[in-house]
N, C-alpha and C. Protein backbone atom coordinates (compact mmCIF):
# COMPACT_ATOMS: atom_id res chain seq x y z
N MET A 1 29.28 19.02 4.43
CA MET A 1 28.58 17.94 3.83
C MET A 1 27.31 17.54 4.09
N LYS A 2 27.08 17.51 5.49
CA LYS A 2 25.82 17.15 6.00
C LYS A 2 24.75 18.38 5.53
N TYR A 3 25.11 19.53 5.27
CA TYR A 3 24.06 20.55 5.05
C TYR A 3 23.82 20.26 3.40
N LEU A 4 24.72 19.99 2.78
CA LEU A 4 24.51 19.76 1.37
C LEU A 4 23.52 18.54 1.15
N LEU A 5 23.79 17.37 1.94
CA LEU A 5 22.80 16.28 1.99
C LEU A 5 21.32 16.62 2.18
N ALA A 6 21.21 17.40 3.34
CA ALA A 6 19.96 18.00 3.79
C ALA A 6 19.41 18.86 2.64
N LEU A 7 20.05 19.57 1.98
CA LEU A 7 19.47 20.49 0.76
C LEU A 7 18.96 19.54 -0.14
N VAL A 8 19.90 18.53 -0.50
CA VAL A 8 19.42 17.35 -1.68
C VAL A 8 18.11 16.88 -1.10
N ALA A 9 17.95 16.49 0.13
CA ALA A 9 16.69 15.94 0.59
C ALA A 9 15.62 16.74 0.46
N LEU A 10 15.70 18.23 0.46
CA LEU A 10 14.78 19.13 0.53
C LEU A 10 14.07 19.32 -0.92
N LEU A 11 15.30 19.16 -1.74
CA LEU A 11 14.91 19.32 -3.19
C LEU A 11 14.21 18.04 -3.67
N VAL A 12 14.58 17.04 -3.21
CA VAL A 12 13.84 15.60 -3.58
C VAL A 12 12.41 15.69 -3.13
N VAL A 13 12.14 16.36 -1.90
CA VAL A 13 10.94 16.43 -1.31
C VAL A 13 9.97 17.40 -2.17
N ALA A 14 10.69 18.49 -2.66
CA ALA A 14 9.92 19.55 -3.57
C ALA A 14 9.52 18.64 -4.87
N LEU A 15 10.49 17.83 -5.52
CA LEU A 15 10.19 17.28 -6.64
C LEU A 15 9.12 16.29 -6.54
N GLY A 16 9.07 15.67 -5.38
CA GLY A 16 8.06 14.64 -5.10
C GLY A 16 6.59 15.19 -4.93
N VAL A 17 6.64 16.44 -4.34
CA VAL A 17 5.48 17.32 -4.17
C VAL A 17 4.93 17.65 -5.50
N ALA A 18 5.70 18.13 -6.45
CA ALA A 18 5.46 18.48 -7.69
C ALA A 18 4.80 17.41 -8.57
N GLY A 19 5.60 16.19 -8.32
CA GLY A 19 5.11 14.95 -9.06
C GLY A 19 3.57 14.59 -8.67
N VAL A 20 3.22 14.80 -7.34
CA VAL A 20 2.06 14.54 -6.83
C VAL A 20 0.94 15.46 -7.41
N VAL A 21 1.28 16.76 -7.42
CA VAL A 21 0.43 17.80 -7.79
C VAL A 21 0.10 17.51 -9.45
N LEU A 22 1.30 17.32 -10.15
CA LEU A 22 1.10 17.08 -11.52
C LEU A 22 0.41 15.85 -11.96
N GLY A 23 0.73 14.94 -11.20
CA GLY A 23 -0.02 13.53 -11.21
C GLY A 23 -1.60 13.86 -11.09
N GLU A 24 -2.04 14.63 -10.08
CA GLU A 24 -3.42 15.08 -9.73
C GLU A 24 -3.93 15.45 -10.95
N ALA A 25 -3.34 16.42 -11.52
CA ALA A 25 -3.71 17.35 -12.63
C ALA A 25 -3.96 16.40 -14.02
N ASP A 26 -3.01 15.50 -14.13
CA ASP A 26 -3.10 14.54 -15.46
C ASP A 26 -3.80 13.35 -15.06
N ASP A 27 -4.22 13.18 -13.86
CA ASP A 27 -5.20 11.83 -13.35
C ASP A 27 -4.16 10.62 -13.78
N SER A 28 -2.89 10.78 -13.26
CA SER A 28 -1.94 9.71 -13.39
C SER A 28 -1.46 9.09 -12.12
N PRO A 29 -2.15 8.05 -11.79
CA PRO A 29 -1.72 7.33 -10.57
C PRO A 29 -0.31 7.02 -10.19
N GLY A 30 0.34 6.77 -11.47
CA GLY A 30 1.62 6.37 -11.46
C GLY A 30 2.76 7.49 -10.97
N LEU A 31 2.42 8.46 -11.53
CA LEU A 31 3.18 9.72 -11.06
C LEU A 31 2.86 9.88 -9.79
N GLN A 32 1.79 10.02 -9.29
CA GLN A 32 1.35 10.37 -7.98
C GLN A 32 2.10 9.27 -7.01
N LEU A 33 2.22 8.09 -7.24
CA LEU A 33 2.97 6.99 -6.49
C LEU A 33 4.20 7.22 -6.54
N LEU A 34 5.01 7.61 -7.50
CA LEU A 34 6.30 7.91 -7.68
C LEU A 34 6.79 9.26 -6.81
N GLY A 35 5.64 10.40 -6.92
CA GLY A 35 5.95 11.38 -6.00
C GLY A 35 5.93 11.20 -4.57
N VAL A 36 4.77 10.13 -4.13
CA VAL A 36 4.84 9.89 -2.93
C VAL A 36 6.03 9.06 -2.34
N LEU A 37 6.46 8.33 -3.10
CA LEU A 37 7.69 7.45 -2.80
C LEU A 37 8.98 8.31 -2.46
N LEU A 38 8.96 9.36 -3.54
CA LEU A 38 10.06 10.29 -3.52
C LEU A 38 10.14 11.11 -1.99
N VAL A 39 8.85 11.65 -1.66
CA VAL A 39 8.79 12.27 -0.59
C VAL A 39 9.16 11.54 0.70
N VAL A 40 8.61 10.17 0.64
CA VAL A 40 8.95 9.32 2.00
C VAL A 40 10.25 8.87 2.00
N GLY A 41 10.65 8.66 0.82
CA GLY A 41 12.23 8.29 1.00
C GLY A 41 13.23 9.60 1.36
N ALA A 42 12.78 10.70 0.82
CA ALA A 42 13.61 11.84 1.26
C ALA A 42 13.55 12.02 2.76
N VAL A 43 12.26 11.93 3.21
CA VAL A 43 11.90 12.34 4.82
C VAL A 43 12.79 11.18 5.62
N VAL A 44 12.56 9.91 5.18
CA VAL A 44 13.26 8.89 5.75
C VAL A 44 14.83 9.08 5.78
N PHE A 45 15.57 9.52 4.71
CA PHE A 45 16.82 9.91 4.66
C PHE A 45 17.15 11.06 5.45
N GLY A 46 16.47 12.07 5.52
CA GLY A 46 16.51 13.30 6.29
C GLY A 46 16.58 12.94 7.93
N VAL A 47 15.66 12.18 8.19
CA VAL A 47 15.46 11.78 9.69
C VAL A 47 16.68 11.09 10.07
N ARG A 48 17.15 10.14 9.29
CA ARG A 48 18.31 9.34 9.36
C ARG A 48 19.62 9.98 9.53
N LEU A 49 19.60 10.93 8.70
CA LEU A 49 20.89 12.09 8.73
C LEU A 49 20.92 12.94 9.96
N VAL A 50 19.70 13.23 10.58
CA VAL A 50 19.72 13.92 11.92
C VAL A 50 20.03 13.29 12.98
N ARG A 51 19.35 11.90 13.05
CA ARG A 51 19.64 11.03 14.08
C ARG A 51 21.25 10.46 14.28
N ARG A 52 21.92 10.25 12.96
CA ARG A 52 23.20 9.88 12.96
C ARG A 52 24.19 10.91 13.56
N GLY A 53 23.77 12.39 13.15
CA GLY A 53 24.45 13.47 13.57
C GLY A 53 24.46 13.62 14.94
N ARG A 54 23.35 13.41 15.59
CA ARG A 54 23.15 13.68 17.08
C ARG A 54 23.74 12.66 17.81
N ARG A 55 23.99 11.24 17.45
CA ARG A 55 24.41 10.05 18.01
C ARG A 55 25.87 10.53 18.10
N ALA A 56 26.52 11.08 17.17
CA ALA A 56 27.87 11.07 17.03
C ALA A 56 28.41 12.15 18.10
N ARG A 57 27.75 13.11 18.61
CA ARG A 57 28.09 14.12 19.73
C ARG A 57 28.49 13.58 21.01
């Protein structure tokens, strides 16, 4: 289950990066902001997931 959540976090990071790149090409600051928020949120989620896994051992 933990690996599935990590995979979802990586997919969200990829989606966020794509949003930033496409927002840059279209000159859309809103899409860039959403992309950055997706990346930051996924990274925070991933870090929390790893830290909780280490604490349980």
